[in-house]
Amino acid sequence: MAKKILIIEDEEIMMNLLEKKLKGAGYDITTAKNGQEGLDILQTKIFDLILSDIIMPRMGGLELMEKISRDTRLKNIPIIVVSNSGQPVEIDQAKKFGAKDWLVKTEFDPQEVIFKVKRILGE
């Protein structure tokens, strides 16, 4: 059975690129356009991994990760942050809330996403 990944990303081009690349690698992909939509989806379905942006409308990635970290049902789902920012303070805060890795969009390499996803999922 394919591993389930939730992509939470408000930039349509980036979301489509991630979705296409991960589906091509055999993953079951669900998408959300902001943190609130992602949180709503997480109430109905459990995922093996979350890829989340940081700056989004309605609810940003850090706020979303904080809520996930306090939910016993969700807190063990690994998170990879996909962001334009590589600021150490944001990275530290994301790690505090459980982020396992970080991808900077401006340095984006689709193969790197697959590599990081497989590593975190133990494949």
PDB file of N, CA and C in Angstrom:
ATOM      1  N   MET A   1       0.836  -1.192   0.000  1.00  0.00           N
ATOM      2  CA  MET A   1       0.000   0.000   0.000  1.00  0.00           C
ATOM      3  C   MET A   1       0.876   1.248   0.000  1.00  0.00           C
ATOM      4  N   ALA A   2       0.516   2.218  -0.817  1.00  0.00           N
ATOM      5  CA  ALA A   2       1.313   3.445  -0.947  1.00  0.00           C
ATOM      6  C   ALA A   2       1.284   4.262   0.339  1.00  0.00           C
ATOM      7  N   LYS A   3       2.419   4.852   0.675  1.00  0.00           N
ATOM      8  CA  LYS A   3       2.488   5.753   1.833  1.00  0.00           C
ATOM      9  C   LYS A   3       1.718   7.027   1.502  1.00  0.00           C
ATOM     10  N   LYS A   4       1.040   7.564   2.532  1.00  0.00           N
ATOM     11  CA  LYS A   4       0.208   8.756   2.346  1.00  0.00           C
ATOM     12  C   LYS A   4       0.978  10.005   2.757  1.00  0.00           C
ATOM     13  N   ILE A   5       1.009  11.001   1.857  1.00  0.00           N
ATOM     14  CA  ILE A   5       1.700  12.261   2.121  1.00  0.00           C
ATOM     15  C   ILE A   5       0.712  13.403   1.941  1.00  0.00           C
ATOM     16  N   LEU A   6       0.713  14.321   2.908  1.00  0.00           N
ATOM     17  CA  LEU A   6      -0.092  15.539   2.824  1.00  0.00           C
ATOM     18  C   LEU A   6       0.840  16.688   2.478  1.00  0.00           C
ATOM     19  N   ILE A   7       0.544  17.379   1.365  1.00  0.00           N
ATOM     20  CA  ILE A   7       1.306  18.563   0.955  1.00  0.00           C
ATOM     21  C   ILE A   7       0.469  19.784   1.299  1.00  0.00           C
ATOM     22  N   ILE A   8       1.021  20.677   2.134  1.00  0.00           N
ATOM     23  CA  ILE A   8       0.323  21.908   2.512  1.00  0.00           C
ATOM     24  C   ILE A   8       1.138  23.061   1.942  1.00  0.00           C
ATOM     25  N   GLU A   9       0.617  23.673   0.893  1.00  0.00           N
ATOM     26  CA  GLU A   9       1.376  24.659   0.119  1.00  0.00           C
ATOM     27  C   GLU A   9       0.405  25.599  -0.582  1.00  0.00           C
ATOM     28  N   ASP A  10       0.612  26.917  -0.428  1.00  0.00           N
ATOM     29  CA  ASP A  10      -0.306  27.874  -1.052  1.00  0.00           C
ATOM     30  C   ASP A  10       0.121  28.297  -2.458  1.00  0.00           C
ATOM     31  N   GLU A  11       1.347  28.023  -2.858  1.00  0.00           N
ATOM     32  CA  GLU A  11       1.802  28.355  -4.212  1.00  0.00           C
ATOM     33  C   GLU A  11       1.466  27.188  -5.141  1.00  0.00           C
ATOM     34  N   GLU A  12       0.537  27.436  -6.062  1.00  0.00           N
ATOM     35  CA  GLU A  12       0.018  26.373  -6.917  1.00  0.00           C
ATOM     36  C   GLU A  12       1.108  25.671  -7.736  1.00  0.00           C
ATOM     37  N   ILE A  13       2.046  26.430  -8.283  1.00  0.00           N
ATOM     38  CA  ILE A  13       3.103  25.831  -9.105  1.00  0.00           C
ATOM     39  C   ILE A  13       3.941  24.863  -8.265  1.00  0.00           C
ATOM     40  N   MET A  14       4.314  25.291  -7.054  1.00  0.00           N
ATOM     41  CA  MET A  14       5.122  24.428  -6.181  1.00  0.00           C
ATOM     42  C   MET A  14       4.317  23.202  -5.749  1.00  0.00           C
ATOM     43  N   MET A  15       3.042  23.400  -5.408  1.00  0.00           N
ATOM     44  CA  MET A  15       2.206  22.273  -4.998  1.00  0.00           C
ATOM     45  C   MET A  15       2.094  21.254  -6.139  1.00  0.00           C
ATOM     46  N   ASN A  16       1.846  21.737  -7.355  1.00  0.00           N
ATOM     47  CA  ASN A  16       1.704  20.837  -8.501  1.00  0.00           C
ATOM     48  C   ASN A  16       2.997  20.080  -8.780  1.00  0.00           C
ATOM     49  N   LEU A  17       4.130  20.764  -8.655  1.00  0.00           N
ATOM     50  CA  LEU A  17       5.427  20.134  -8.876  1.00  0.00           C
ATOM     51  C   LEU A  17       5.679  19.023  -7.847  1.00  0.00           C
ATOM     52  N   LEU A  18       5.449  19.337  -6.568  1.00  0.00           N
ATOM     53  CA  LEU A  18       5.637  18.334  -5.503  1.00  0.00           C
ATOM     54  C   LEU A  18       4.689  17.150  -5.693  1.00  0.00           C
ATOM     55  N   GLU A  19       3.426  17.465  -5.985  1.00  0.00           N
ATOM     56  CA  GLU A  19       2.416  16.412  -6.152  1.00  0.00           C
ATOM     57  C   GLU A  19       2.791  15.489  -7.314  1.00  0.00           C
ATOM     58  N   LYS A  20       3.171  16.070  -8.447  1.00  0.00           N
ATOM     59  CA  LYS A  20       3.524  15.272  -9.623  1.00  0.00           C
ATOM     60  C   LYS A  20       4.749  14.395  -9.337  1.00  0.00           C
ATOM     61  N   LYS A  21       5.767  14.969  -8.721  1.00  0.00           N
ATOM     62  CA  LYS A  21       7.000  14.237  -8.441  1.00  0.00           C
ATOM     63  C   LYS A  21       6.739  13.077  -7.471  1.00  0.00           C
ATOM     64  N   LEU A  22       5.980  13.336  -6.407  1.00  0.00           N
ATOM     65  CA  LEU A  22       5.730  12.308  -5.392  1.00  0.00           C
ATOM     66  C   LEU A  22       4.759  11.233  -5.892  1.00  0.00           C
ATOM     67  N   LYS A  23       3.744  11.639  -6.661  1.00  0.00           N
ATOM     68  CA  LYS A  23       2.840  10.636  -7.257  1.00  0.00           C
ATOM     69  C   LYS A  23       3.628   9.740  -8.196  1.00  0.00           C
ATOM     70  N   GLY A  24       4.544  10.342  -8.968  1.00  0.00           N
ATOM     71  CA  GLY A  24       5.384   9.588  -9.894  1.00  0.00           C
ATOM     72  C   GLY A  24       6.266   8.579  -9.177  1.00  0.00           C
ATOM     73  N   ALA A  25       6.587   8.870  -7.906  1.00  0.00           N
ATOM     74  CA  ALA A  25       7.410   7.959  -7.103  1.00  0.00           C
ATOM     75  C   ALA A  25       6.550   6.927  -6.364  1.00  0.00           C
ATOM     76  N   GLY A  26       5.228   6.972  -6.599  1.00  0.00           N
ATOM     77  CA  GLY A  26       4.347   5.945  -6.051  1.00  0.00           C
ATOM     78  C   GLY A  26       3.644   6.286  -4.754  1.00  0.00           C
ATOM     79  N   TYR A  27       3.659   7.555  -4.343  1.00  0.00           N
ATOM     80  CA  TYR A  27       3.005   7.955  -3.094  1.00  0.00           C
ATOM     81  C   TYR A  27       1.557   8.377  -3.331  1.00  0.00           C
ATOM     82  N   ASP A  28       0.735   8.210  -2.292  1.00  0.00           N
ATOM     83  CA  ASP A  28      -0.664   8.640  -2.289  1.00  0.00           C
ATOM     84  C   ASP A  28      -0.672  10.073  -1.761  1.00  0.00           C
ATOM     85  N   ILE A  29      -1.016  11.043  -2.606  1.00  0.00           N
ATOM     86  CA  ILE A  29      -0.882  12.464  -2.258  1.00  0.00           C
ATOM     87  C   ILE A  29      -2.236  13.124  -2.027  1.00  0.00           C
ATOM     88  N   THR A  30      -2.309  13.910  -0.950  1.00  0.00           N
ATOM     89  CA  THR A  30      -3.442  14.795  -0.674  1.00  0.00           C
ATOM     90  C   THR A  30      -2.859  16.191  -0.548  1.00  0.00           C
ATOM     91  N   THR A  31      -3.573  17.210  -1.018  1.00  0.00           N
ATOM     92  CA  THR A  31      -3.055  18.578  -0.942  1.00  0.00           C
ATOM     93  C   THR A  31      -4.006  19.498  -0.178  1.00  0.00           C
ATOM     94  N   ALA A  32      -3.404  20.537   0.410  1.00  0.00           N
ATOM     95  CA  ALA A  32      -4.153  21.584   1.100  1.00  0.00           C
ATOM     96  C   ALA A  32      -3.489  22.912   0.761  1.00  0.00           C
ATOM     97  N   LYS A  33      -4.294  23.987   0.667  1.00  0.00           N
ATOM     98  CA  LYS A  33      -3.769  25.291   0.253  1.00  0.00           C
ATOM     99  C   LYS A  33      -3.317  26.178   1.407  1.00  0.00           C
ATOM    100  N   ASN A  34      -3.591  25.773   2.653  1.00  0.00           N
ATOM    101  CA  ASN A  34      -3.138  26.552   3.813  1.00  0.00           C
ATOM    102  C   ASN A  34      -3.168  25.659   5.050  1.00  0.00           C
ATOM    103  N   GLY A  35      -2.610  26.178   6.141  1.00  0.00           N
ATOM    104  CA  GLY A  35      -2.517  25.391   7.365  1.00  0.00           C
ATOM    105  C   GLY A  35      -3.852  24.959   7.927  1.00  0.00           C
ATOM    106  N   GLN A  36      -4.854  25.830   7.855  1.00  0.00           N
ATOM    107  CA  GLN A  36      -6.177  25.474   8.391  1.00  0.00           C
ATOM    108  C   GLN A  36      -6.791  24.331   7.601  1.00  0.00           C
ATOM    109  N   GLU A  37      -6.680  24.408   6.281  1.00  0.00           N
ATOM    110  CA  GLU A  37      -7.207  23.331   5.434  1.00  0.00           C
ATOM    111  C   GLU A  37      -6.452  22.025   5.723  1.00  0.00           C
ATOM    112  N   GLY A  38      -5.140  22.134   5.906  1.00  0.00           N
ATOM    113  CA  GLY A  38      -4.337  20.958   6.244  1.00  0.00           C
ATOM    114  C   GLY A  38      -4.761  20.339   7.559  1.00  0.00           C
ATOM    115  N   LEU A  39      -4.987  21.190   8.567  1.00  0.00           N
ATOM    116  CA  LEU A  39      -5.416  20.711   9.880  1.00  0.00           C
ATOM    117  C   LEU A  39      -6.781  20.029   9.789  1.00  0.00           C
ATOM    118  N   ASP A  40      -7.683  20.615   8.992  1.00  0.00           N
ATOM    119  CA  ASP A  40      -9.013  20.012   8.800  1.00  0.00           C
ATOM    120  C   ASP A  40      -8.881  18.613   8.183  1.00  0.00           C
ATOM    121  N   ILE A  41      -8.011  18.470   7.187  1.00  0.00           N
ATOM    122  CA  ILE A  41      -7.793  17.171   6.536  1.00  0.00           C
ATOM    123  C   ILE A  41      -7.208  16.180   7.538  1.00  0.00           C
ATOM    124  N   LEU A  42      -6.289  16.646   8.380  1.00  0.00           N
ATOM    125  CA  LEU A  42      -5.652  15.768   9.365  1.00  0.00           C
ATOM    126  C   LEU A  42      -6.645  15.234  10.401  1.00  0.00           C
ATOM    127  N   GLN A  43      -7.786  15.890  10.559  1.00  0.00           N
ATOM    128  CA  GLN A  43      -8.802  15.401  11.494  1.00  0.00           C
ATOM    129  C   GLN A  43      -9.538  14.188  10.931  1.00  0.00           C
ATOM    130  N   THR A  44      -9.459  13.981   9.612  1.00  0.00           N
ATOM    131  CA  THR A  44     -10.224  12.908   8.990  1.00  0.00           C
ATOM    132  C   THR A  44      -9.366  11.780   8.433  1.00  0.00           C
ATOM    133  N   LYS A  45      -8.058  12.018   8.278  1.00  0.00           N
ATOM    134  CA  LYS A  45      -7.199  11.029   7.629  1.00  0.00           C
ATOM    135  C   LYS A  45      -5.799  11.099   8.240  1.00  0.00           C
ATOM    136  N   ILE A  46      -5.175   9.946   8.434  1.00  0.00           N
ATOM    137  CA  ILE A  46      -3.819   9.908   8.983  1.00  0.00           C
ATOM    138  C   ILE A  46      -2.810   9.745   7.838  1.00  0.00           C
ATOM    139  N   PHE A  47      -1.706  10.458   7.945  1.00  0.00           N
ATOM    140  CA  PHE A  47      -0.674  10.449   6.913  1.00  0.00           C
ATOM    141  C   PHE A  47       0.638   9.902   7.468  1.00  0.00           C
ATOM    142  N   ASP A  48       1.479   9.434   6.548  1.00  0.00           N
ATOM    143  CA  ASP A  48       2.801   8.935   6.918  1.00  0.00           C
ATOM    144  C   ASP A  48       3.820  10.079   6.981  1.00  0.00           C
ATOM    145  N   LEU A  49       3.517  11.184   6.270  1.00  0.00           N
ATOM    146  CA  LEU A  49       4.445  12.309   6.180  1.00  0.00           C
ATOM    147  C   LEU A  49       3.679  13.566   5.776  1.00  0.00           C
ATOM    148  N   ILE A  50       4.168  14.721   6.237  1.00  0.00           N
ATOM    149  CA  ILE A  50       3.593  16.016   5.856  1.00  0.00           C
ATOM    150  C   ILE A  50       4.708  16.870   5.263  1.00  0.00           C
ATOM    151  N   LEU A  51       4.439  17.500   4.124  1.00  0.00           N
ATOM    152  CA  LEU A  51       5.316  18.538   3.575  1.00  0.00           C
ATOM    153  C   LEU A  51       4.551  19.843   3.744  1.00  0.00           C
ATOM    154  N   SER A  52       5.144  20.816   4.422  1.00  0.00           N
ATOM    155  CA  SER A  52       4.416  22.053   4.699  1.00  0.00           C
ATOM    156  C   SER A  52       5.255  23.297   4.441  1.00  0.00           C
ATOM    157  N   ASP A  53       4.616  24.269   3.825  1.00  0.00           N
ATOM    158  CA  ASP A  53       5.180  25.603   3.675  1.00  0.00           C
ATOM    159  C   ASP A  53       5.112  26.288   5.041  1.00  0.00           C
ATOM    160  N   ILE A  54       5.790  27.417   5.195  1.00  0.00           N
ATOM    161  CA  ILE A  54       5.747  28.181   6.449  1.00  0.00           C
ATOM    162  C   ILE A  54       4.798  29.378   6.326  1.00  0.00           C
ATOM    163  N   ILE A  55       4.985  30.195   5.278  1.00  0.00           N
ATOM    164  CA  ILE A  55       4.171  31.400   5.113  1.00  0.00           C
ATOM    165  C   ILE A  55       2.972  31.069   4.225  1.00  0.00           C
ATOM    166  N   MET A  56       1.776  31.049   4.849  1.00  0.00           N
ATOM    167  CA  MET A  56       0.536  30.740   4.121  1.00  0.00           C
ATOM    168  C   MET A  56      -0.608  31.557   4.705  1.00  0.00           C
ATOM    169  N   PRO A  57      -1.660  31.765   3.906  1.00  0.00           N
ATOM    170  CA  PRO A  57      -2.844  32.458   4.436  1.00  0.00           C
ATOM    171  C   PRO A  57      -3.593  31.580   5.441  1.00  0.00           C
ATOM    172  N   ARG A  58      -4.428  32.198   6.228  1.00  0.00           N
ATOM    173  CA  ARG A  58      -5.305  31.556   7.225  1.00  0.00           C
ATOM    174  C   ARG A  58      -4.558  30.946   8.403  1.00  0.00           C
ATOM    175  N   MET A  59      -3.567  30.091   8.147  1.00  0.00           N
ATOM    176  CA  MET A  59      -2.734  29.546   9.221  1.00  0.00           C
ATOM    177  C   MET A  59      -1.395  29.169   8.607  1.00  0.00           C
ATOM    178  N   GLY A  60      -0.330  29.718   9.165  1.00  0.00           N
ATOM    179  CA  GLY A  60       1.008  29.419   8.664  1.00  0.00           C
ATOM    180  C   GLY A  60       1.507  28.069   9.144  1.00  0.00           C
ATOM    181  N   GLY A  61       2.633  27.652   8.572  1.00  0.00           N
ATOM    182  CA  GLY A  61       3.203  26.356   8.880  1.00  0.00           C
ATOM    183  C   GLY A  61       3.655  26.189  10.315  1.00  0.00           C
ATOM    184  N   LEU A  62       4.243  27.234  10.904  1.00  0.00           N
ATOM    185  CA  LEU A  62       4.704  27.105  12.293  1.00  0.00           C
ATOM    186  C   LEU A  62       3.530  26.935  13.250  1.00  0.00           C
ATOM    187  N   GLU A  63       2.466  27.701  13.027  1.00  0.00           N
ATOM    188  CA  GLU A  63       1.263  27.559  13.868  1.00  0.00           C
ATOM    189  C   GLU A  63       0.660  26.160  13.690  1.00  0.00           C
ATOM    190  N   LEU A  64       0.623  25.693  12.454  1.00  0.00           N
ATOM    191  CA  LEU A  64       0.119  24.348  12.169  1.00  0.00           C
ATOM    192  C   LEU A  64       0.965  23.297  12.898  1.00  0.00           C
ATOM    193  N   MET A  65       2.296  23.417  12.808  1.00  0.00           N
ATOM    194  CA  MET A  65       3.181  22.438  13.460  1.00  0.00           C
ATOM    195  C   MET A  65       3.026  22.463  14.974  1.00  0.00           C
ATOM    196  N   GLU A  66       2.791  23.658  15.529  1.00  0.00           N
ATOM    197  CA  GLU A  66       2.567  23.760  16.973  1.00  0.00           C
ATOM    198  C   GLU A  66       1.306  22.988  17.363  1.00  0.00           C
ATOM    199  N   LYS A  67       0.235  23.155  16.580  1.00  0.00           N
ATOM    200  CA  LYS A  67      -1.016  22.434  16.865  1.00  0.00           C
ATOM    201  C   LYS A  67      -0.825  20.928  16.712  1.00  0.00           C
ATOM    202  N   ILE A  68      -0.114  20.505  15.687  1.00  0.00           N
ATOM    203  CA  ILE A  68       0.154  19.082  15.468  1.00  0.00           C
ATOM    204  C   ILE A  68       0.956  18.513  16.639  1.00  0.00           C
ATOM    205  N   SER A  69       1.946  19.274  17.107  1.00  0.00           N
ATOM    206  CA  SER A  69       2.821  18.783  18.187  1.00  0.00           C
ATOM    207  C   SER A  69       2.066  18.580  19.501  1.00  0.00           C
ATOM    208  N   ARG A  70       0.914  19.239  19.653  1.00  0.00           N
ATOM    209  CA  ARG A  70       0.115  19.099  20.883  1.00  0.00           C
ATOM    210  C   ARG A  70      -0.985  18.051  20.751  1.00  0.00           C
ATOM    211  N   ASP A  71      -1.123  17.446  19.569  1.00  0.00           N
ATOM    212  CA  ASP A  71      -2.180  16.470  19.319  1.00  0.00           C
ATOM    213  C   ASP A  71      -1.568  15.065  19.348  1.00  0.00           C
ATOM    214  N   THR A  72      -1.951  14.267  20.347  1.00  0.00           N
ATOM    215  CA  THR A  72      -1.342  12.944  20.526  1.00  0.00           C
ATOM    216  C   THR A  72      -1.539  12.046  19.299  1.00  0.00           C
ATOM    217  N   ARG A  73      -2.611  12.250  18.549  1.00  0.00           N
ATOM    218  CA  ARG A  73      -2.889  11.435  17.370  1.00  0.00           C
ATOM    219  C   ARG A  73      -2.000  11.827  16.182  1.00  0.00           C
ATOM    220  N   LEU A  74      -1.527  13.081  16.166  1.00  0.00           N
ATOM    221  CA  LEU A  74      -0.800  13.600  15.002  1.00  0.00           C
ATOM    222  C   LEU A  74       0.683  13.845  15.237  1.00  0.00           C
ATOM    223  N   LYS A  75       1.088  13.973  16.502  1.00  0.00           N
ATOM    224  CA  LYS A  75       2.427  14.498  16.794  1.00  0.00           C
ATOM    225  C   LYS A  75       3.589  13.642  16.304  1.00  0.00           C
ATOM    226  N   ASN A  76       3.353  12.377  15.986  1.00  0.00           N
ATOM    227  CA  ASN A  76       4.442  11.530  15.515  1.00  0.00           C
ATOM    228  C   ASN A  76       4.565  11.473  13.991  1.00  0.00           C
ATOM    229  N   ILE A  77       3.737  12.253  13.286  1.00  0.00           N
ATOM    230  CA  ILE A  77       3.843  12.303  11.825  1.00  0.00           C
ATOM    231  C   ILE A  77       5.036  13.191  11.477  1.00  0.00           C
ATOM    232  N   PRO A  78       6.036  12.653  10.747  1.00  0.00           N
ATOM    233  CA  PRO A  78       7.185  13.487  10.393  1.00  0.00           C
ATOM    234  C   PRO A  78       6.787  14.606   9.422  1.00  0.00           C
ATOM    235  N   ILE A  79       7.463  15.746   9.570  1.00  0.00           N
ATOM    236  CA  ILE A  79       7.181  16.925   8.747  1.00  0.00           C
ATOM    237  C   ILE A  79       8.463  17.375   8.057  1.00  0.00           C
ATOM    238  N   ILE A  80       8.356  17.638   6.757  1.00  0.00           N
ATOM    239  CA  ILE A  80       9.429  18.300   6.016  1.00  0.00           C
ATOM    240  C   ILE A  80       8.907  19.682   5.655  1.00  0.00           C
ATOM    241  N   VAL A  81       9.646  20.714   6.044  1.00  0.00           N
ATOM    242  CA  VAL A  81       9.265  22.086   5.732  1.00  0.00           C
ATOM    243  C   VAL A  81       9.766  22.420   4.329  1.00  0.00           C
ATOM    244  N   VAL A  82       8.895  23.022   3.527  1.00  0.00           N
ATOM    245  CA  VAL A  82       9.250  23.501   2.191  1.00  0.00           C
ATOM    246  C   VAL A  82       8.986  25.001   2.214  1.00  0.00           C
ATOM    247  N   SER A  83      10.053  25.817   2.204  1.00  0.00           N
ATOM    248  CA  SER A  83       9.868  27.250   2.406  1.00  0.00           C
ATOM    249  C   SER A  83      10.842  28.065   1.568  1.00  0.00           C
ATOM    250  N   ASN A  84      10.492  29.327   1.337  1.00  0.00           N
ATOM    251  CA  ASN A  84      11.411  30.265   0.685  1.00  0.00           C
ATOM    252  C   ASN A  84      12.491  30.714   1.648  1.00  0.00           C
ATOM    253  N   SER A  85      12.222  30.579   2.926  1.00  0.00           N
ATOM    254  CA  SER A  85      13.131  31.076   3.940  1.00  0.00           C
ATOM    255  C   SER A  85      14.025  29.965   4.466  1.00  0.00           C
ATOM    256  N   GLY A  86      15.268  30.313   4.678  1.00  0.00           N
ATOM    257  CA  GLY A  86      16.174  29.378   5.321  1.00  0.00           C
ATOM    258  C   GLY A  86      16.721  30.011   6.589  1.00  0.00           C
ATOM    259  N   GLN A  87      15.934  30.912   7.178  1.00  0.00           N
ATOM    260  CA  GLN A  87      16.372  31.635   8.374  1.00  0.00           C
ATOM    261  C   GLN A  87      16.568  30.675   9.543  1.00  0.00           C
ATOM    262  N   PRO A  88      17.736  30.734  10.202  1.00  0.00           N
ATOM    263  CA  PRO A  88      17.994  29.817  11.325  1.00  0.00           C
ATOM    264  C   PRO A  88      16.931  29.868  12.412  1.00  0.00           C
ATOM    265  N   VAL A  89      16.368  31.050  12.704  1.00  0.00           N
ATOM    266  CA  VAL A  89      15.359  31.148  13.767  1.00  0.00           C
ATOM    267  C   VAL A  89      14.097  30.372  13.379  1.00  0.00           C
ATOM    268  N   GLU A  90      13.701  30.433  12.098  1.00  0.00           N
ATOM    269  CA  GLU A  90      12.535  29.671  11.640  1.00  0.00           C
ATOM    270  C   GLU A  90      12.827  28.177  11.641  1.00  0.00           C
ATOM    271  N   ILE A  91      14.023  27.809  11.199  1.00  0.00           N
ATOM    272  CA  ILE A  91      14.410  26.397  11.175  1.00  0.00           C
ATOM    273  C   ILE A  91      14.404  25.840  12.598  1.00  0.00           C
ATOM    274  N   ASP A  92      14.973  26.585  13.550  1.00  0.00           N
ATOM    275  CA  ASP A  92      15.003  26.143  14.949  1.00  0.00           C
ATOM    276  C   ASP A  92      13.597  25.952  15.493  1.00  0.00           C
ATOM    277  N   GLN A  93      12.721  26.913  15.211  1.00  0.00           N
ATOM    278  CA  GLN A  93      11.346  26.821  15.707  1.00  0.00           C
ATOM    279  C   GLN A  93      10.624  25.629  15.060  1.00  0.00           C
ATOM    280  N   ALA A  94      10.823  25.444  13.767  1.00  0.00           N
ATOM    281  CA  ALA A  94      10.190  24.315  13.081  1.00  0.00           C
ATOM    282  C   ALA A  94      10.684  22.990  13.666  1.00  0.00           C
ATOM    283  N   LYS A  95      11.971  22.896  13.949  1.00  0.00           N
ATOM    284  CA  LYS A  95      12.522  21.670  14.545  1.00  0.00           C
ATOM    285  C   LYS A  95      11.937  21.441  15.934  1.00  0.00           C
ATOM    286  N   LYS A  96      11.744  22.524  16.682  1.00  0.00           N
ATOM    287  CA  LYS A  96      11.148  22.413  18.018  1.00  0.00           C
ATOM    288  C   LYS A  96       9.749  21.801  17.937  1.00  0.00           C
ATOM    289  N   PHE A  97       9.028  22.110  16.867  1.00  0.00           N
ATOM    290  CA  PHE A  97       7.677  21.580  16.683  1.00  0.00           C
ATOM    291  C   PHE A  97       7.666  20.247  15.942  1.00  0.00           C
ATOM    292  N   GLY A  98       8.840  19.682  15.679  1.00  0.00           N
ATOM    293  CA  GLY A  98       8.886  18.339  15.117  1.00  0.00           C
ATOM    294  C   GLY A  98       9.301  18.210  13.663  1.00  0.00           C
ATOM    295  N   ALA A  99       9.694  19.309  13.007  1.00  0.00           N
ATOM    296  CA  ALA A  99      10.140  19.190  11.614  1.00  0.00           C
ATOM    297  C   ALA A  99      11.394  18.329  11.554  1.00  0.00           C
ATOM    298  N   LYS A 100      11.405  17.369  10.630  1.00  0.00           N
ATOM    299  CA  LYS A 100      12.530  16.449  10.492  1.00  0.00           C
ATOM    300  C   LYS A 100      13.546  16.927   9.467  1.00  0.00           C
ATOM    301  N   ASP A 101      13.107  17.795   8.541  1.00  0.00           N
ATOM    302  CA  ASP A 101      14.018  18.279   7.508  1.00  0.00           C
ATOM    303  C   ASP A 101      13.461  19.562   6.905  1.00  0.00           C
ATOM    304  N   TRP A 102      14.242  20.173   6.009  1.00  0.00           N
ATOM    305  CA  TRP A 102      13.929  21.485   5.469  1.00  0.00           C
ATOM    306  C   TRP A 102      14.352  21.547   4.019  1.00  0.00           C
ATOM    307  N   LEU A 103      13.504  22.071   3.150  1.00  0.00           N
ATOM    308  CA  LEU A 103      13.847  22.325   1.751  1.00  0.00           C
ATOM    309  C   LEU A 103      13.609  23.800   1.459  1.00  0.00           C
ATOM    310  N   VAL A 104      14.599  24.461   0.854  1.00  0.00           N
ATOM    311  CA  VAL A 104      14.446  25.870   0.476  1.00  0.00           C
ATOM    312  C   VAL A 104      14.005  25.915  -0.984  1.00  0.00           C
ATOM    313  N   LYS A 105      12.861  26.577  -1.244  1.00  0.00           N
ATOM    314  CA  LYS A 105      12.267  26.578  -2.587  1.00  0.00           C
ATOM    315  C   LYS A 105      13.219  27.132  -3.651  1.00  0.00           C
ATOM    316  N   THR A 106      13.992  28.153  -3.310  1.00  0.00           N
ATOM    317  CA  THR A 106      14.888  28.758  -4.305  1.00  0.00           C
ATOM    318  C   THR A 106      16.025  27.828  -4.697  1.00  0.00           C
ATOM    319  N   GLU A 107      16.293  26.819  -3.859  1.00  0.00           N
ATOM    320  CA  GLU A 107      17.346  25.838  -4.158  1.00  0.00           C
ATOM    321  C   GLU A 107      16.716  24.480  -4.464  1.00  0.00           C
ATOM    322  N   PHE A 108      15.467  24.504  -4.902  1.00  0.00           N
ATOM    323  CA  PHE A 108      14.653  23.300  -5.040  1.00  0.00           C
ATOM    324  C   PHE A 108      15.168  22.365  -6.120  1.00  0.00           C
ATOM    325  N   ASP A 109      15.346  21.122  -5.738  1.00  0.00           N
ATOM    326  CA  ASP A 109      15.712  20.049  -6.660  1.00  0.00           C
ATOM    327  C   ASP A 109      14.703  18.922  -6.428  1.00  0.00           C
ATOM    328  N   PRO A 110      13.841  18.642  -7.416  1.00  0.00           N
ATOM    329  CA  PRO A 110      12.812  17.610  -7.218  1.00  0.00           C
ATOM    330  C   PRO A 110      13.359  16.259  -6.753  1.00  0.00           C
ATOM    331  N   GLN A 111      14.553  15.880  -7.202  1.00  0.00           N
ATOM    332  CA  GLN A 111      15.132  14.605  -6.771  1.00  0.00           C
ATOM    333  C   GLN A 111      15.452  14.636  -5.285  1.00  0.00           C
ATOM    334  N   GLU A 112      15.843  15.813  -4.789  1.00  0.00           N
ATOM    335  CA  GLU A 112      16.159  15.949  -3.364  1.00  0.00           C
ATOM    336  C   GLU A 112      14.919  15.686  -2.510  1.00  0.00           C
ATOM    337  N   VAL A 113      13.758  16.118  -2.992  1.00  0.00           N
ATOM    338  CA  VAL A 113      12.502  15.868  -2.266  1.00  0.00           C
ATOM    339  C   VAL A 113      12.290  14.365  -2.121  1.00  0.00           C
ATOM    340  N   ILE A 114      12.426  13.642  -3.216  1.00  0.00           N
ATOM    341  CA  ILE A 114      12.240  12.186  -3.189  1.00  0.00           C
ATOM    342  C   ILE A 114      13.242  11.549  -2.224  1.00  0.00           C
ATOM    343  N   PHE A 115      14.491  11.982  -2.292  1.00  0.00           N
ATOM    344  CA  PHE A 115      15.539  11.452  -1.419  1.00  0.00           C
ATOM    345  C   PHE A 115      15.179  11.666   0.050  1.00  0.00           C
ATOM    346  N   LYS A 116      14.781  12.897   0.398  1.00  0.00           N
ATOM    347  CA  LYS A 116      14.456  13.214   1.795  1.00  0.00           C
ATOM    348  C   LYS A 116      13.218  12.453   2.266  1.00  0.00           C
ATOM    349  N   VAL A 117      12.192  12.362   1.410  1.00  0.00           N
ATOM    350  CA  VAL A 117      10.968  11.631   1.762  1.00  0.00           C
ATOM    351  C   VAL A 117      11.307  10.159   2.026  1.00  0.00           C
ATOM    352  N   LYS A 118      12.053   9.542   1.134  1.00  0.00           N
ATOM    353  CA  LYS A 118      12.409   8.129   1.293  1.00  0.00           C
ATOM    354  C   LYS A 118      13.238   7.917   2.561  1.00  0.00           C
ATOM    355  N   ARG A 119      14.168   8.835   2.835  1.00  0.00           N
ATOM    356  CA  ARG A 119      15.006   8.699   4.028  1.00  0.00           C
ATOM    357  C   ARG A 119      14.166   8.783   5.294  1.00  0.00           C
ATOM    358  N   ILE A 120      13.276   9.758   5.354  1.00  0.00           N
ATOM    359  CA  ILE A 120      12.462   9.939   6.565  1.00  0.00           C
ATOM    360  C   ILE A 120      11.466   8.797   6.740  1.00  0.00           C
ATOM    361  N   LEU A 121      10.961   8.264   5.639  1.00  0.00           N
ATOM    362  CA  LEU A 121      10.016   7.147   5.728  1.00  0.00           C
ATOM    363  C   LEU A 121      10.724   5.797   5.870  1.00  0.00           C
ATOM    364  N   GLY A 122      12.053   5.830   5.873  1.00  0.00           N
ATOM    365  CA  GLY A 122      12.816   4.598   6.065  1.00  0.00           C
ATOM    366  C   GLY A 122      12.759   3.650   4.886  1.00  0.00           C
ATOM    367  N   GLU A 123      12.682   4.204   3.679  1.00  0.00           N
ATOM    368  CA  GLU A 123      12.595   3.375   2.469  1.00  0.00           C
ATOM    369  C   GLU A 123      13.938   3.274   1.782  1.00  0.00           C
TER     370      GLU A 123
END
